[in-house]
Amino acid sequence: MTQHTVRIWDLPTRIFHWALAISVVALVVTAKLGGNAMEWHFRFGYAVLALLVFRIVWGLVGGHWSRFSTFLFSPARLWRYLRGTPHPQDHIGHSPLGALSVFVLLAVLLGQVCTGLLSDDEIAFAGPLTRFVSNAVVGQATGYHKEIGQYLVLGLVGLHVLAIVFYVRVRRQQLIKPMLDGDKTLATPAAPSRDDAFSRIAALVVLAVSVAGAWWVSSLAVAGF
């Protein structure tokens, strides 16, 4: 049988994936350590904010299989996948179940970062947006960030890891290697993701704008307006 090697994940998507994973782990560790580690907690929070903004934009203009349009599946498609009758393309990029987990994780992480920007520990650290909202909103955001959001993130990350282990060990699907080198070996041809010098320069521009936006948000804590 002829095998086809196809570029599925472009380099910007792969770097985003691993950078986000490292940053989320760092956020959890620094939150548990507390004290002076909270300064790094905020820094990694801004890093995650920049990464999420980047991924949202890259989901619109990035490589073919990184675009949201290629893994925005209908409930019927998800149901067929769960019943064991998947579409032939369900195993190329994100599967319907994998796509659902991606959207949920991105939403939960975005909610956690945004509530962090509005949180106040009433001791030494406060988010840069706390002075723009009422005390009631700050209290609600702080409560969610500490009591609900962090456990949602931990739970979803745990499920994500277990799902990867299941699909790699039981289903024998390629998941980790393509996220390292970008390529998948497929039984049938598929459209590759663009991953050339131009797309990588475009990704750098998007990342630079995302980082600048996160830096601007962080500066609101000390800005005079």
N, C-alpha and C. Protein backbone atom coordinates (compact mmCIF):
# COMPACT_ATOMS: atom_id res chain seq x y z
N MET A 1 0.85 -1.20 0.00
CA MET A 1 0.00 0.00 0.00
C MET A 1 0.88 1.25 0.00
N THR A 2 0.56 2.18 -0.89
CA THR A 2 1.32 3.42 -0.98
C THR A 2 1.04 4.30 0.22
N GLN A 3 2.11 4.81 0.82
CA GLN A 3 1.99 5.71 1.97
C GLN A 3 2.32 7.14 1.52
N HIS A 4 1.62 8.09 2.10
CA HIS A 4 1.81 9.48 1.73
C HIS A 4 2.23 10.28 2.97
N THR A 5 3.36 10.94 2.87
CA THR A 5 3.82 11.79 3.97
C THR A 5 3.32 13.21 3.71
N VAL A 6 2.53 13.71 4.63
CA VAL A 6 1.86 15.00 4.44
C VAL A 6 2.17 15.93 5.61
N ARG A 7 2.51 17.18 5.30
CA ARG A 7 2.73 18.18 6.35
C ARG A 7 1.35 18.60 6.90
N ILE A 8 1.09 18.19 8.14
CA ILE A 8 -0.19 18.50 8.78
C ILE A 8 -0.06 19.72 9.69
N TRP A 9 0.92 19.72 10.57
CA TRP A 9 1.07 20.82 11.53
C TRP A 9 2.25 21.69 11.13
N ASP A 10 1.97 22.95 10.82
CA ASP A 10 3.04 23.88 10.47
C ASP A 10 3.88 24.19 11.71
N LEU A 11 5.07 24.73 11.48
CA LEU A 11 5.99 25.01 12.59
C LEU A 11 5.39 25.96 13.64
N PRO A 12 4.71 27.05 13.24
CA PRO A 12 4.12 27.93 14.25
C PRO A 12 3.12 27.21 15.15
N THR A 13 2.33 26.32 14.60
CA THR A 13 1.36 25.57 15.41
C THR A 13 2.07 24.66 16.39
N ARG A 14 3.13 24.02 15.93
CA ARG A 14 3.87 23.11 16.81
C ARG A 14 4.54 23.87 17.95
N ILE A 15 5.15 25.00 17.63
CA ILE A 15 5.79 25.81 18.68
C ILE A 15 4.74 26.31 19.67
N PHE A 16 3.59 26.75 19.15
CA PHE A 16 2.50 27.19 20.03
C PHE A 16 2.10 26.08 20.99
N HIS A 17 1.92 24.88 20.46
CA HIS A 17 1.46 23.76 21.27
C HIS A 17 2.38 23.49 22.45
N TRP A 18 3.68 23.40 22.18
CA TRP A 18 4.63 23.08 23.25
C TRP A 18 4.86 24.26 24.17
N ALA A 19 4.84 25.48 23.64
CA ALA A 19 5.00 26.66 24.47
C ALA A 19 3.81 26.81 25.43
N LEU A 20 2.61 26.51 24.93
CA LEU A 20 1.43 26.58 25.78
C LEU A 20 1.49 25.52 26.87
N ALA A 21 1.90 24.32 26.51
CA ALA A 21 2.00 23.24 27.50
C ALA A 21 2.97 23.62 28.61
N ILE A 22 4.13 24.14 28.25
CA ILE A 22 5.13 24.53 29.24
C ILE A 22 4.60 25.66 30.11
N SER A 23 3.95 26.64 29.49
CA SER A 23 3.45 27.80 30.23
C SER A 23 2.34 27.41 31.21
N VAL A 24 1.47 26.50 30.81
CA VAL A 24 0.39 26.07 31.69
C VAL A 24 0.96 25.33 32.90
N VAL A 25 1.93 24.46 32.66
CA VAL A 25 2.58 23.76 33.78
C VAL A 25 3.23 24.77 34.72
N ALA A 26 3.91 25.77 34.15
CA ALA A 26 4.56 26.80 34.96
C ALA A 26 3.53 27.60 35.76
N LEU A 27 2.38 27.87 35.16
CA LEU A 27 1.32 28.59 35.87
C LEU A 27 0.84 27.80 37.08
N VAL A 28 0.63 26.51 36.89
CA VAL A 28 0.16 25.67 38.00
C VAL A 28 1.20 25.61 39.11
N VAL A 29 2.46 25.42 38.74
CA VAL A 29 3.53 25.32 39.74
C VAL A 29 3.68 26.61 40.52
N THR A 30 3.73 27.74 39.83
CA THR A 30 3.91 29.02 40.51
C THR A 30 2.71 29.37 41.38
N ALA A 31 1.51 28.98 40.96
CA ALA A 31 0.32 29.24 41.78
C ALA A 31 0.38 28.44 43.08
N LYS A 32 0.85 27.21 42.99
CA LYS A 32 0.93 26.37 44.18
C LYS A 32 2.04 26.84 45.13
N LEU A 33 3.13 27.35 44.57
CA LEU A 33 4.23 27.84 45.39
C LEU A 33 3.86 29.13 46.11
N GLY A 34 3.13 30.02 45.41
CA GLY A 34 2.72 31.28 46.01
C GLY A 34 3.91 32.17 46.34
N GLY A 35 3.71 33.14 47.22
CA GLY A 35 4.80 34.02 47.62
C GLY A 35 5.39 34.78 46.45
N ASN A 36 6.72 34.86 46.41
CA ASN A 36 7.40 35.57 45.33
C ASN A 36 7.21 34.91 43.98
N ALA A 37 6.85 33.62 43.98
CA ALA A 37 6.62 32.92 42.72
C ALA A 37 5.43 33.49 41.97
N MET A 38 4.59 34.25 42.67
CA MET A 38 3.42 34.85 42.01
C MET A 38 3.83 35.87 40.96
N GLU A 39 5.01 36.47 41.13
CA GLU A 39 5.48 37.38 40.09
C GLU A 39 5.66 36.63 38.77
N TRP A 40 6.21 35.41 38.87
CA TRP A 40 6.35 34.58 37.68
C TRP A 40 5.00 34.04 37.21
N HIS A 41 4.09 33.85 38.14
CA HIS A 41 2.74 33.42 37.77
C HIS A 41 2.11 34.45 36.84
N PHE A 42 2.26 35.71 37.18
CA PHE A 42 1.72 36.77 36.32
C PHE A 42 2.43 36.79 34.97
N ARG A 43 3.74 36.63 34.98
CA ARG A 43 4.48 36.66 33.72
C ARG A 43 4.05 35.53 32.79
N PHE A 44 3.91 34.33 33.36
CA PHE A 44 3.45 33.21 32.53
C PHE A 44 1.99 33.41 32.11
N GLY A 45 1.22 34.10 32.95
CA GLY A 45 -0.15 34.42 32.56
C GLY A 45 -0.19 35.31 31.34
N TYR A 46 0.68 36.31 31.30
CA TYR A 46 0.75 37.19 30.12
C TYR A 46 1.24 36.41 28.91
N ALA A 47 2.16 35.46 29.15
CA ALA A 47 2.65 34.63 28.04
C ALA A 47 1.52 33.80 27.46
N VAL A 48 0.68 33.22 28.33
CA VAL A 48 -0.45 32.42 27.86
C VAL A 48 -1.45 33.32 27.12
N LEU A 49 -1.65 34.53 27.62
CA LEU A 49 -2.55 35.47 26.92
C LEU A 49 -2.05 35.72 25.51
N ALA A 50 -0.75 35.99 25.37
CA ALA A 50 -0.19 36.23 24.04
C ALA A 50 -0.33 35.00 23.15
N LEU A 51 -0.09 33.82 23.72
CA LEU A 51 -0.20 32.58 22.94
C LEU A 51 -1.63 32.33 22.49
N LEU A 52 -2.59 32.60 23.35
CA LEU A 52 -3.99 32.38 22.99
C LEU A 52 -4.44 33.33 21.89
N VAL A 53 -4.02 34.59 22.00
CA VAL A 53 -4.36 35.56 20.95
C VAL A 53 -3.73 35.11 19.63
N PHE A 54 -2.48 34.67 19.71
CA PHE A 54 -1.81 34.17 18.51
C PHE A 54 -2.59 33.01 17.89
N ARG A 55 -3.00 32.05 18.73
CA ARG A 55 -3.68 30.86 18.20
C ARG A 55 -5.03 31.21 17.59
N ILE A 56 -5.73 32.17 18.17
CA ILE A 56 -7.02 32.58 17.61
C ILE A 56 -6.82 33.16 16.22
N VAL A 57 -5.82 34.03 16.08
CA VAL A 57 -5.54 34.61 14.76
C VAL A 57 -5.03 33.55 13.80
N TRP A 58 -4.12 32.69 14.30
CA TRP A 58 -3.56 31.65 13.44
C TRP A 58 -4.63 30.63 13.04
N GLY A 59 -5.65 30.51 13.84
CA GLY A 59 -6.76 29.63 13.49
C GLY A 59 -7.57 30.16 12.32
N LEU A 60 -7.34 31.40 11.96
CA LEU A 60 -8.02 32.00 10.81
C LEU A 60 -7.14 32.09 9.58
N VAL A 61 -5.83 32.26 9.78
CA VAL A 61 -4.94 32.49 8.64
C VAL A 61 -3.78 31.51 8.55
N GLY A 62 -3.69 30.56 9.48
CA GLY A 62 -2.55 29.65 9.52
C GLY A 62 -2.61 28.54 8.50
N GLY A 63 -1.78 27.51 8.72
CA GLY A 63 -1.75 26.36 7.84
C GLY A 63 -3.11 25.68 7.76
N HIS A 64 -3.34 24.96 6.68
CA HIS A 64 -4.66 24.38 6.39
C HIS A 64 -5.26 23.64 7.57
N TRP A 65 -4.51 22.72 8.17
CA TRP A 65 -5.07 21.89 9.24
C TRP A 65 -5.07 22.58 10.59
N SER A 66 -4.45 23.76 10.66
CA SER A 66 -4.48 24.54 11.89
C SER A 66 -5.67 25.50 11.92
N ARG A 67 -6.32 25.68 10.80
CA ARG A 67 -7.45 26.62 10.73
C ARG A 67 -8.69 26.01 11.37
N PHE A 68 -9.41 26.83 12.10
CA PHE A 68 -10.62 26.36 12.78
C PHE A 68 -11.62 25.78 11.79
N SER A 69 -11.63 26.32 10.59
CA SER A 69 -12.61 25.86 9.59
C SER A 69 -12.43 24.39 9.24
N THR A 70 -11.22 23.83 9.46
CA THR A 70 -10.99 22.43 9.11
C THR A 70 -11.35 21.48 10.25
N PHE A 71 -11.59 22.00 11.44
CA PHE A 71 -12.01 21.11 12.53
C PHE A 71 -13.18 21.68 13.32
N LEU A 72 -14.04 22.39 12.62
CA LEU A 72 -15.29 22.86 13.21
C LEU A 72 -16.37 21.89 12.74
N PHE A 73 -16.60 20.83 13.52
CA PHE A 73 -17.47 19.74 13.10
C PHE A 73 -18.89 19.89 13.64
N SER A 74 -19.82 19.34 12.92
CA SER A 74 -21.21 19.35 13.36
C SER A 74 -21.42 18.29 14.44
N PRO A 75 -22.48 18.43 15.25
CA PRO A 75 -22.79 17.40 16.25
C PRO A 75 -22.98 16.03 15.61
N ALA A 76 -23.56 16.00 14.40
CA ALA A 76 -23.78 14.72 13.71
C ALA A 76 -22.45 14.05 13.37
N ARG A 77 -21.48 14.85 12.93
CA ARG A 77 -20.16 14.31 12.60
C ARG A 77 -19.49 13.77 13.87
N LEU A 78 -19.62 14.49 14.97
CA LEU A 78 -19.06 14.03 16.24
C LEU A 78 -19.72 12.73 16.68
N TRP A 79 -21.04 12.67 16.54
CA TRP A 79 -21.77 11.47 16.95
C TRP A 79 -21.36 10.27 16.12
N ARG A 80 -21.18 10.44 14.82
CA ARG A 80 -20.74 9.33 13.97
C ARG A 80 -19.35 8.87 14.37
N TYR A 81 -18.50 9.82 14.73
CA TYR A 81 -17.15 9.46 15.17
C TYR A 81 -17.21 8.64 16.45
N LEU A 82 -18.03 9.06 17.39
CA LEU A 82 -18.15 8.36 18.67
C LEU A 82 -18.76 6.98 18.48
N ARG A 83 -19.61 6.81 17.47
CA ARG A 83 -20.24 5.52 17.20
C ARG A 83 -19.31 4.57 16.46
N GLY A 84 -18.15 5.06 16.05
CA GLY A 84 -17.20 4.19 15.36
C GLY A 84 -17.34 4.18 13.86
N THR A 85 -18.05 5.18 13.30
CA THR A 85 -18.17 5.29 11.84
C THR A 85 -17.66 6.67 11.41
N PRO A 86 -16.35 6.89 11.58
CA PRO A 86 -15.80 8.22 11.29
C PRO A 86 -15.73 8.53 9.81
N HIS A 87 -15.65 9.81 9.51
CA HIS A 87 -15.41 10.28 8.15
C HIS A 87 -13.95 9.95 7.81
N PRO A 88 -13.64 9.67 6.53
CA PRO A 88 -12.25 9.32 6.17
C PRO A 88 -11.21 10.36 6.58
N GLN A 89 -11.61 11.64 6.67
CA GLN A 89 -10.65 12.69 7.02
C GLN A 89 -10.58 12.98 8.52
N ASP A 90 -11.33 12.23 9.31
CA ASP A 90 -11.35 12.51 10.75
C ASP A 90 -10.03 12.22 11.44
N HIS A 91 -9.16 11.47 10.81
CA HIS A 91 -7.90 11.12 11.46
C HIS A 91 -6.70 11.86 10.85
N ILE A 92 -6.97 12.86 10.03
CA ILE A 92 -5.86 13.60 9.41
C ILE A 92 -5.36 14.70 10.34
N GLY A 93 -6.22 15.64 10.64
CA GLY A 93 -5.87 16.70 11.58
C GLY A 93 -6.45 16.38 12.93
N HIS A 94 -7.26 17.30 13.45
CA HIS A 94 -7.97 17.02 14.70
C HIS A 94 -9.20 16.17 14.40
N SER A 95 -9.41 15.13 15.19
CA SER A 95 -10.64 14.35 15.08
C SER A 95 -11.77 15.18 15.66
N PRO A 96 -13.04 14.81 15.40
CA PRO A 96 -14.14 15.57 15.99
C PRO A 96 -14.06 15.67 17.50
N LEU A 97 -13.67 14.58 18.17
CA LEU A 97 -13.55 14.62 19.63
C LEU A 97 -12.35 15.47 20.04
N GLY A 98 -11.25 15.34 19.31
CA GLY A 98 -10.08 16.15 19.59
C GLY A 98 -10.34 17.62 19.36
N ALA A 99 -11.11 17.93 18.31
CA ALA A 99 -11.46 19.32 18.02
C ALA A 99 -12.29 19.92 19.15
N LEU A 100 -13.23 19.13 19.66
CA LEU A 100 -14.06 19.61 20.77
C LEU A 100 -13.19 19.92 21.98
N SER A 101 -12.23 19.05 22.27
CA SER A 101 -11.35 19.28 23.42
C SER A 101 -10.48 20.51 23.22
N VAL A 102 -10.06 20.77 21.98
CA VAL A 102 -9.25 21.95 21.69
C VAL A 102 -10.04 23.23 21.96
N PHE A 103 -11.27 23.28 21.45
CA PHE A 103 -12.10 24.48 21.64
C PHE A 103 -12.41 24.70 23.12
N VAL A 104 -12.73 23.62 23.82
CA VAL A 104 -13.06 23.75 25.25
C VAL A 104 -11.84 24.20 26.03
N LEU A 105 -10.69 23.61 25.74
CA LEU A 105 -9.47 23.98 26.47
C LEU A 105 -9.07 25.42 26.20
N LEU A 106 -9.17 25.85 24.95
CA LEU A 106 -8.85 27.25 24.63
C LEU A 106 -9.79 28.20 25.35
N ALA A 107 -11.08 27.86 25.39
CA ALA A 107 -12.06 28.72 26.06
C ALA A 107 -11.81 28.78 27.56
N VAL A 108 -11.52 27.63 28.16
CA VAL A 108 -11.27 27.60 29.61
C VAL A 108 -9.99 28.35 29.96
N LEU A 109 -8.95 28.18 29.15
CA LEU A 109 -7.71 28.90 29.40
C LEU A 109 -7.89 30.41 29.24
N LEU A 110 -8.66 30.80 28.23
CA LEU A 110 -8.92 32.22 28.03
C LEU A 110 -9.70 32.79 29.22
N GLY A 111 -10.68 32.02 29.70
CA GLY A 111 -11.43 32.46 30.87
C GLY A 111 -10.56 32.55 32.10
N GLN A 112 -9.63 31.61 32.25
CA GLN A 112 -8.74 31.62 33.41
C GLN A 112 -7.79 32.82 33.37
N VAL A 113 -7.26 33.11 32.18
CA VAL A 113 -6.36 34.26 32.05
C VAL A 113 -7.11 35.56 32.29
N CYS A 114 -8.29 35.69 31.70
CA CYS A 114 -9.07 36.94 31.85
C CYS A 114 -9.48 37.18 33.31
N THR A 115 -9.89 36.12 34.00
CA THR A 115 -10.24 36.31 35.41
C THR A 115 -9.00 36.59 36.25
N GLY A 116 -7.85 36.07 35.82
CA GLY A 116 -6.60 36.38 36.51
C GLY A 116 -6.26 37.86 36.40
N LEU A 117 -6.56 38.43 35.25
CA LEU A 117 -6.31 39.86 35.06
C LEU A 117 -7.21 40.72 35.94
N LEU A 118 -8.31 40.13 36.40
CA LEU A 118 -9.28 40.85 37.23
C LEU A 118 -9.22 40.42 38.70
N SER A 119 -8.25 39.58 39.05
CA SER A 119 -8.18 39.02 40.40
C SER A 119 -7.33 39.87 41.33
N ASP A 120 -7.61 39.74 42.62
CA ASP A 120 -6.86 40.46 43.65
C ASP A 120 -6.77 39.56 44.88
N ASP A 121 -5.53 39.26 45.30
CA ASP A 121 -5.38 38.41 46.49
C ASP A 121 -5.47 39.19 47.79
N GLU A 122 -5.63 40.51 47.68
CA GLU A 122 -5.79 41.41 48.83
C GLU A 122 -4.57 41.38 49.76
N ILE A 123 -3.44 40.94 49.23
CA ILE A 123 -2.21 40.92 50.02
C ILE A 123 -1.11 41.69 49.29
N ALA A 124 -0.70 41.14 48.15
CA ALA A 124 0.42 41.78 47.45
C ALA A 124 0.25 41.85 45.94
N PHE A 125 -0.66 41.05 45.39
CA PHE A 125 -0.77 40.98 43.94
C PHE A 125 -2.20 41.22 43.47
N ALA A 126 -2.31 42.04 42.44
CA ALA A 126 -3.61 42.32 41.84
C ALA A 126 -3.45 42.39 40.34
N GLY A 127 -4.44 41.90 39.61
CA GLY A 127 -4.40 41.94 38.16
C GLY A 127 -4.46 43.36 37.64
N PRO A 128 -3.94 43.61 36.45
CA PRO A 128 -3.88 44.97 35.91
C PRO A 128 -5.23 45.58 35.56
N LEU A 129 -6.28 44.76 35.49
CA LEU A 129 -7.59 45.29 35.12
C LEU A 129 -8.51 45.50 36.31
N THR A 130 -8.02 45.23 37.51
CA THR A 130 -8.90 45.32 38.69
C THR A 130 -9.41 46.73 38.93
N ARG A 131 -8.61 47.74 38.59
CA ARG A 131 -9.03 49.11 38.88
C ARG A 131 -10.06 49.64 37.90
N PHE A 132 -10.37 48.85 36.87
CA PHE A 132 -11.35 49.29 35.89
C PHE A 132 -12.75 48.73 36.15
N VAL A 133 -12.88 47.85 37.17
CA VAL A 133 -14.17 47.22 37.45
C VAL A 133 -14.50 47.37 38.93
N SER A 134 -15.73 47.02 39.28
CA SER A 134 -16.18 47.15 40.67
C SER A 134 -15.57 46.08 41.55
N ASN A 135 -15.63 46.31 42.85
CA ASN A 135 -15.14 45.31 43.81
C ASN A 135 -15.90 44.00 43.70
N ALA A 136 -17.18 44.10 43.35
CA ALA A 136 -17.99 42.88 43.21
C ALA A 136 -17.47 42.02 42.06
N VAL A 137 -17.13 42.67 40.95
CA VAL A 137 -16.60 41.93 39.79
C VAL A 137 -15.24 41.33 40.13
N VAL A 138 -14.41 42.09 40.84
CA VAL A 138 -13.10 41.58 41.25
C VAL A 138 -13.27 40.35 42.14
N GLY A 139 -14.22 40.43 43.08
CA GLY A 139 -14.45 39.29 43.97
C GLY A 139 -14.92 38.06 43.22
N GLN A 140 -15.83 38.25 42.26
CA GLN A 140 -16.33 37.13 41.48
C GLN A 140 -15.22 36.52 40.61
N ALA A 141 -14.43 37.40 39.99
CA ALA A 141 -13.33 36.91 39.14
C ALA A 141 -12.30 36.16 39.96
N THR A 142 -11.97 36.70 41.13
CA THR A 142 -10.99 36.05 42.01
C THR A 142 -11.49 34.69 42.46
N GLY A 143 -12.77 34.63 42.85
CA GLY A 143 -13.34 33.37 43.29
C GLY A 143 -13.32 32.32 42.19
N TYR A 144 -13.70 32.73 40.98
CA TYR A 144 -13.68 31.78 39.86
C TYR A 144 -12.25 31.32 39.57
N HIS A 145 -11.32 32.29 39.53
CA HIS A 145 -9.93 31.98 39.18
C HIS A 145 -9.31 30.99 40.16
N LYS A 146 -9.60 31.15 41.44
CA LYS A 146 -8.99 30.32 42.47
C LYS A 146 -9.75 29.02 42.74
N GLU A 147 -11.07 29.10 42.69
CA GLU A 147 -11.87 27.96 43.15
C GLU A 147 -12.42 27.08 42.03
N ILE A 148 -12.61 27.66 40.86
CA ILE A 148 -13.25 26.90 39.78
C ILE A 148 -12.31 26.73 38.58
N GLY A 149 -11.83 27.87 38.08
CA GLY A 149 -11.04 27.85 36.85
C GLY A 149 -9.82 26.97 36.90
N GLN A 150 -9.07 27.03 37.99
CA GLN A 150 -7.83 26.24 38.05
C GLN A 150 -8.12 24.74 38.01
N TYR A 151 -9.23 24.33 38.61
CA TYR A 151 -9.55 22.91 38.61
C TYR A 151 -10.10 22.46 37.25
N LEU A 152 -10.78 23.38 36.56
CA LEU A 152 -11.21 23.07 35.20
C LEU A 152 -9.99 22.86 34.29
N VAL A 153 -9.01 23.76 34.44
CA VAL A 153 -7.80 23.64 33.64
C VAL A 153 -7.08 22.33 33.94
N LEU A 154 -6.91 22.03 35.22
CA LEU A 154 -6.22 20.79 35.61
C LEU A 154 -6.97 19.56 35.10
N GLY A 155 -8.29 19.59 35.23
CA GLY A 155 -9.09 18.46 34.77
C GLY A 155 -8.99 18.25 33.27
N LEU A 156 -9.08 19.35 32.52
CA LEU A 156 -9.04 19.25 31.06
C LEU A 156 -7.65 18.83 30.58
N VAL A 157 -6.61 19.35 31.23
CA VAL A 157 -5.25 18.95 30.86
C VAL A 157 -5.06 17.46 31.15
N GLY A 158 -5.55 17.01 32.29
CA GLY A 158 -5.46 15.59 32.62
C GLY A 158 -6.17 14.72 31.61
N LEU A 159 -7.38 15.11 31.22
CA LEU A 159 -8.14 14.37 30.21
C LEU A 159 -7.41 14.37 28.88
N HIS A 160 -6.80 15.51 28.54
CA HIS A 160 -6.07 15.63 27.29
C HIS A 160 -4.91 14.64 27.26
N VAL A 161 -4.17 14.56 28.36
CA VAL A 161 -3.04 13.64 28.43
C VAL A 161 -3.51 12.19 28.36
N LEU A 162 -4.57 11.87 29.09
CA LEU A 162 -5.11 10.50 29.07
C LEU A 162 -5.59 10.13 27.67
N ALA A 163 -6.22 11.08 26.98
CA ALA A 163 -6.71 10.81 25.63
C ALA A 163 -5.55 10.52 24.69
N ILE A 164 -4.46 11.28 24.83
CA ILE A 164 -3.29 11.05 23.99
C ILE A 164 -2.73 9.65 24.24
N VAL A 165 -2.61 9.28 25.50
CA VAL A 165 -2.10 7.95 25.85
C VAL A 165 -3.00 6.87 25.25
N PHE A 166 -4.32 7.06 25.35
CA PHE A 166 -5.27 6.07 24.83
C PHE A 166 -5.12 5.92 23.32
N TYR A 167 -5.09 7.05 22.61
CA TYR A 167 -5.04 6.97 21.14
C TYR A 167 -3.69 6.46 20.64
N VAL A 168 -2.63 6.76 21.37
CA VAL A 168 -1.31 6.28 20.95
C VAL A 168 -1.14 4.80 21.27
N ARG A 169 -1.53 4.39 22.49
CA ARG A 169 -1.30 3.02 22.94
C ARG A 169 -2.35 2.04 22.43
N VAL A 170 -3.62 2.46 22.47
CA VAL A 170 -4.72 1.55 22.12
C VAL A 170 -5.10 1.66 20.64
N ARG A 171 -5.31 2.89 20.18
CA ARG A 171 -5.73 3.07 18.78
C ARG A 171 -4.56 3.08 17.81
N ARG A 172 -3.34 3.15 18.32
CA ARG A 172 -2.14 3.15 17.50
C ARG A 172 -2.14 4.28 16.47
N GLN A 173 -2.56 5.46 16.91
CA GLN A 173 -2.60 6.61 16.01
C GLN A 173 -1.39 7.50 16.25
N GLN A 174 -0.95 8.15 15.17
CA GLN A 174 0.16 9.08 15.27
C GLN A 174 -0.34 10.41 15.85
N LEU A 175 0.13 10.78 17.00
CA LEU A 175 -0.26 12.04 17.60
C LEU A 175 0.94 12.88 18.04
N ILE A 176 1.89 12.25 18.68
CA ILE A 176 3.03 12.99 19.22
C ILE A 176 4.04 13.34 18.14
N LYS A 177 4.42 12.37 17.31
CA LYS A 177 5.43 12.61 16.28
C LYS A 177 5.03 13.75 15.33
N PRO A 178 3.78 13.79 14.83
CA PRO A 178 3.41 14.90 13.94
C PRO A 178 3.49 16.27 14.63
N MET A 179 3.31 16.30 15.95
CA MET A 179 3.41 17.58 16.65
C MET A 179 4.87 17.95 16.92
N LEU A 180 5.78 17.04 16.59
CA LEU A 180 7.21 17.33 16.69
C LEU A 180 7.81 17.70 15.34
N ASP A 181 7.53 16.88 14.32
CA ASP A 181 8.12 17.17 13.01
C ASP A 181 7.12 17.70 11.98
N GLY A 182 5.83 17.68 12.34
CA GLY A 182 4.81 18.27 11.47
C GLY A 182 4.17 17.32 10.48
N ASP A 183 4.75 16.14 10.26
CA ASP A 183 4.28 15.25 9.20
C ASP A 183 3.51 14.05 9.73
N LYS A 184 2.53 13.62 8.93
CA LYS A 184 1.82 12.38 9.18
C LYS A 184 1.94 11.48 7.97
N THR A 185 2.00 10.17 8.23
CA THR A 185 2.00 9.19 7.16
C THR A 185 0.59 8.69 6.98
N LEU A 186 0.01 8.93 5.80
CA LEU A 186 -1.39 8.62 5.54
C LEU A 186 -1.52 7.60 4.42
N ALA A 187 -2.62 6.88 4.47
CA ALA A 187 -2.89 5.87 3.43
C ALA A 187 -3.39 6.52 2.15
N THR A 188 -3.98 7.71 2.26
CA THR A 188 -4.50 8.41 1.10
C THR A 188 -3.93 9.83 1.07
N PRO A 189 -3.86 10.45 -0.11
CA PRO A 189 -3.34 11.81 -0.20
C PRO A 189 -4.24 12.79 0.55
N ALA A 190 -3.66 13.88 1.02
CA ALA A 190 -4.42 14.93 1.70
C ALA A 190 -3.74 16.26 1.44
N ALA A 191 -4.52 17.33 1.52
CA ALA A 191 -3.97 18.66 1.31
C ALA A 191 -3.00 18.99 2.43
N PRO A 192 -1.79 19.41 2.12
CA PRO A 192 -0.83 19.75 3.17
C PRO A 192 -1.06 21.16 3.71
N SER A 193 -0.57 21.39 4.89
CA SER A 193 -0.58 22.74 5.44
C SER A 193 0.61 23.52 4.88
N ARG A 194 0.38 24.77 4.58
CA ARG A 194 1.49 25.61 4.12
C ARG A 194 2.44 25.83 5.28
N ASP A 195 3.72 25.62 5.03
CA ASP A 195 4.72 25.76 6.09
C ASP A 195 6.04 26.18 5.48
N ASP A 196 6.00 27.33 4.81
CA ASP A 196 7.20 27.83 4.15
C ASP A 196 7.70 29.09 4.85
N ALA A 197 8.71 29.70 4.28
CA ALA A 197 9.31 30.89 4.90
C ALA A 197 8.29 32.01 5.05
N PHE A 198 7.45 32.20 4.05
CA PHE A 198 6.47 33.28 4.11
C PHE A 198 5.51 33.08 5.27
N SER A 199 4.97 31.85 5.41
CA SER A 199 4.00 31.60 6.47
C SER A 199 4.65 31.72 7.86
N ARG A 200 5.92 31.37 7.96
CA ARG A 200 6.60 31.47 9.25
C ARG A 200 6.89 32.93 9.60
N ILE A 201 7.21 33.74 8.60
CA ILE A 201 7.39 35.18 8.84
C ILE A 201 6.06 35.80 9.25
N ALA A 202 4.99 35.38 8.58
CA ALA A 202 3.65 35.88 8.94
C ALA A 202 3.31 35.51 10.38
N ALA A 203 3.69 34.29 10.78
CA ALA A 203 3.43 33.86 12.15
C ALA A 203 4.21 34.71 13.15
N LEU A 204 5.45 35.07 12.80
CA LEU A 204 6.25 35.92 13.67
C LEU A 204 5.61 37.29 13.85
N VAL A 205 5.04 37.81 12.77
CA VAL A 205 4.35 39.10 12.84
C VAL A 205 3.13 38.99 13.75
N VAL A 206 2.35 37.94 13.58
CA VAL A 206 1.17 37.73 14.42
C VAL A 206 1.59 37.57 15.88
N LEU A 207 2.65 36.81 16.12
CA LEU A 207 3.14 36.62 17.49
C LEU A 207 3.62 37.94 18.09
N ALA A 208 4.34 38.73 17.30
CA ALA A 208 4.84 40.01 17.80
C ALA A 208 3.69 40.92 18.21
N VAL A 209 2.64 40.96 17.40
CA VAL A 209 1.47 41.78 17.73
C VAL A 209 0.79 41.24 18.98
N SER A 210 0.71 39.91 19.10
CA SER A 210 0.09 39.28 20.27
C SER A 210 0.88 39.59 21.54
N VAL A 211 2.19 39.50 21.45
CA VAL A 211 3.04 39.81 22.60
C VAL A 211 2.91 41.28 22.98
N ALA A 212 2.88 42.15 21.98
CA ALA A 212 2.72 43.58 22.24
C ALA A 212 1.39 43.85 22.94
N GLY A 213 0.35 43.16 22.51
CA GLY A 213 -0.95 43.32 23.15
C GLY A 213 -0.94 42.87 24.60
N ALA A 214 -0.29 41.73 24.86
CA ALA A 214 -0.20 41.22 26.24
C ALA A 214 0.64 42.17 27.10
N TRP A 215 1.72 42.71 26.53
CA TRP A 215 2.55 43.66 27.27
C TRP A 215 1.75 44.91 27.60
N TRP A 216 0.94 45.38 26.65
CA TRP A 216 0.12 46.58 26.89
C TRP A 216 -0.86 46.32 28.03
N VAL A 217 -1.48 45.15 28.05
CA VAL A 217 -2.39 44.81 29.14
C VAL A 217 -1.66 44.83 30.46
N SER A 218 -0.46 44.26 30.49
CA SER A 218 0.32 44.24 31.73
C SER A 218 0.68 45.65 32.19
N SER A 219 0.89 46.55 31.24
CA SER A 219 1.29 47.92 31.58
C SER A 219 0.15 48.72 32.21
N LEU A 220 -1.08 48.25 32.08
CA LEU A 220 -2.22 48.98 32.64
C LEU A 220 -2.17 49.01 34.16
N ALA A 221 -1.41 48.10 34.72
CA ALA A 221 -1.29 48.06 36.18
C ALA A 221 -0.55 49.28 36.72
N VAL A 222 0.29 49.89 35.88
CA VAL A 222 1.08 51.04 36.33
C VAL A 222 0.88 52.27 35.47
N ALA A 223 0.08 52.13 34.41
CA ALA A 223 -0.13 53.25 33.50
C ALA A 223 -0.94 54.35 34.17
N GLY A 224 -0.84 55.52 33.66
CA GLY A 224 -1.54 56.64 34.26
C GLY A 224 -2.88 56.93 33.65
N PHE A 225 -3.48 55.93 32.98
CA PHE A 225 -4.80 56.17 32.41
C PHE A 225 -5.65 54.93 32.63
